[in-house]
Amino acid sequence: MEEAVADLWATGVSPEGHPTQFVRKELDAIGVLTSVQLWNAEPDTVVHVAGVVTHRQRPQTAQGVTFLNLEDETGLINVVVSKGCWHRFRKVAREAPAMVVRGRLERAEGVINIVAERLDPLPMAGKTQSRDFR
């Protein structure tokens, strides 16, 4: 797992597998969906997703909303974090290299977003670093 995390950090890919695949059994046990499984979930339902944080973006035009991208072993997950949610879970939102997100699923025009309600750290064996822009 440490090699996979190191490869992901250094190159963005890993021949050993994605870090979330090593904890998928535990994630499945608590009902965390993969990015692929989100396509089968009903819109406007509350879901749990998890992954490595690849981006944190807060455009000036977004009125304080932050956009996170998580990556699991099946793909990318878009997460929308309101000002209030960011404030409540600030430490996790700013510092966690990987996280579990509970939120409402939105699906429109072929795009899925998770509107975050709760952010929790996802313990990983190694350290990854996201690309953060403000």
Protein backbone atom coordinates (compact mmCIF):
# COMPACT_ATOMS: atom_id res chain seq x y z
CA MET A 1 0.00 0.00 0.00
CA GLU A 2 2.83 2.41 0.82
CA GLU A 3 4.34 1.85 -2.64
CA ALA A 4 1.00 2.57 -4.29
CA VAL A 5 0.64 5.82 -2.33
CA ALA A 6 4.22 6.85 -3.14
CA ASP A 7 3.71 6.10 -6.84
CA LEU A 8 0.45 8.05 -6.85
CA TRP A 9 2.10 11.02 -5.16
CA ALA A 10 5.11 11.04 -7.50
CA THR A 11 3.50 10.24 -10.85
CA GLY A 12 -0.27 10.33 -10.45
CA VAL A 13 -0.57 6.57 -11.22
CA SER A 14 0.44 3.36 -9.53
CA PRO A 15 0.99 -0.11 -11.01
CA GLU A 16 0.43 -1.54 -7.51
CA GLY A 17 -3.15 -0.29 -7.35
CA HIS A 18 -4.95 2.71 -5.97
CA PRO A 19 -4.71 3.35 -2.20
CA THR A 20 -8.47 3.08 -1.70
CA GLN A 21 -8.55 -0.48 -3.04
CA PHE A 22 -6.58 -1.55 0.03
CA VAL A 23 -9.36 -0.30 2.34
CA ARG A 24 -12.32 -1.08 0.06
CA LYS A 25 -13.54 -3.97 2.23
CA GLU A 26 -13.85 -1.62 5.22
CA LEU A 27 -15.43 1.11 3.06
CA ASP A 28 -17.97 -1.35 1.65
CA ALA A 29 -18.85 -2.43 5.20
CA ILE A 30 -19.88 1.14 6.10
CA GLY A 31 -21.77 1.73 2.83
CA VAL A 32 -19.27 3.88 0.95
CA LEU A 33 -19.98 3.90 -2.79
CA THR A 34 -17.34 3.98 -5.52
CA SER A 35 -17.44 6.64 -8.24
CA VAL A 36 -18.82 4.02 -10.65
CA GLN A 37 -21.57 2.97 -8.21
CA LEU A 38 -22.79 6.57 -8.00
CA TRP A 39 -24.32 6.19 -11.47
CA ASN A 40 -26.77 3.64 -10.02
CA ALA A 41 -27.66 5.67 -6.92
CA GLU A 42 -30.82 7.77 -6.91
CA PRO A 43 -30.36 11.56 -7.28
CA ASP A 44 -31.12 13.60 -4.15
CA THR A 45 -30.26 10.69 -1.84
CA VAL A 46 -27.59 10.87 0.85
CA VAL A 47 -24.53 8.83 -0.03
CA HIS A 48 -21.06 8.19 1.37
CA VAL A 49 -17.99 8.39 -0.86
CA ALA A 50 -14.27 8.23 -0.13
CA GLY A 51 -11.00 8.85 -1.85
CA VAL A 52 -7.69 10.60 -2.07
CA VAL A 53 -8.03 14.39 -2.41
CA THR A 54 -6.62 15.42 -5.78
CA HIS A 55 -7.78 19.07 -5.87
CA ARG A 56 -9.16 21.76 -3.63
CA GLN A 57 -10.42 24.82 -5.49
CA ARG A 58 -12.18 27.94 -4.27
CA PRO A 59 -12.77 30.31 -7.19
CA GLN A 60 -13.41 33.92 -6.22
CA THR A 61 -16.65 33.79 -8.20
CA ALA A 62 -17.97 30.85 -6.14
CA GLN A 63 -18.99 32.97 -3.11
CA GLY A 64 -17.02 30.85 -0.65
CA VAL A 65 -17.96 27.43 -2.05
CA THR A 66 -15.02 25.03 -2.31
CA PHE A 67 -14.78 22.27 -4.88
CA LEU A 68 -12.94 19.07 -3.98
CA ASN A 69 -12.03 16.23 -6.26
CA LEU A 70 -11.66 12.81 -4.71
CA GLU A 71 -10.20 9.85 -6.52
CA ASP A 72 -10.99 6.25 -5.67
CA GLU A 73 -9.91 3.08 -7.47
CA THR A 74 -12.72 3.50 -10.04
CA GLY A 75 -12.48 7.20 -10.90
CA LEU A 76 -13.01 10.79 -9.82
CA ILE A 77 -15.73 12.19 -7.56
CA ASN A 78 -16.75 15.87 -7.57
CA VAL A 79 -17.56 17.26 -4.13
CA VAL A 80 -19.14 20.66 -3.49
CA VAL A 81 -18.47 22.07 -0.01
CA SER A 82 -20.51 25.05 1.21
CA LYS A 83 -19.01 27.77 3.41
CA GLY A 84 -20.83 26.35 6.43
CA CYS A 85 -19.67 22.78 5.87
CA TRP A 86 -16.10 23.98 5.28
CA HIS A 87 -16.20 25.91 8.54
CA ARG A 88 -17.63 22.97 10.55
CA PHE A 89 -15.04 20.51 9.21
CA ARG A 90 -12.22 22.98 8.53
CA LYS A 91 -9.29 20.87 9.74
CA VAL A 92 -10.32 17.83 7.67
CA ALA A 93 -11.30 19.99 4.69
CA ARG A 94 -7.94 21.78 4.60
CA GLU A 95 -5.52 19.07 5.68
CA ALA A 96 -6.80 15.54 5.07
CA PRO A 97 -4.99 13.83 2.18
CA ALA A 98 -7.93 11.42 1.89
CA MET A 99 -11.46 11.62 3.24
CA VAL A 100 -14.89 10.09 3.57
CA VAL A 101 -17.70 12.43 2.56
CA ARG A 102 -21.38 12.16 3.41
CA GLY A 103 -23.53 14.25 1.10
CA ARG A 104 -26.47 14.58 -1.25
CA LEU A 105 -26.02 13.18 -4.74
CA GLU A 106 -26.77 15.52 -7.64
CA ARG A 107 -26.83 14.24 -11.21
CA ALA A 108 -27.52 16.50 -14.19
CA GLU A 109 -26.37 16.60 -17.80
CA GLY A 110 -24.08 13.61 -17.37
CA VAL A 111 -22.25 15.02 -14.33
CA ILE A 112 -22.40 13.79 -10.74
CA ASN A 113 -21.69 16.04 -7.76
CA ILE A 114 -21.82 15.26 -4.06
CA VAL A 115 -22.98 18.24 -1.99
CA ALA A 116 -21.08 17.64 1.23
CA GLU A 117 -22.75 17.52 4.64
CA ARG A 118 -19.91 15.90 6.58
CA LEU A 119 -16.16 15.38 6.01
CA ASP A 120 -14.12 12.77 7.89
CA PRO A 121 -10.47 11.82 7.43
CA LEU A 122 -9.72 8.52 5.71
CA PRO A 123 -6.59 7.01 7.25
CA MET A 124 -4.05 5.99 4.61
CA ALA A 125 -0.73 4.16 5.02
CA GLY A 126 1.28 6.77 3.12
CA LYS A 127 1.02 10.46 2.44
CA THR A 128 -0.42 11.97 -0.70
CA GLN A 129 -0.61 15.64 -1.60
CA SER A 130 -3.39 17.42 -3.43
CA ARG A 131 -3.08 20.24 -5.92
CA ASP A 132 -4.75 23.14 -4.15
CA PHE A 133 -5.64 26.42 -5.88
CA ARG A 134 -7.63 29.31 -4.49
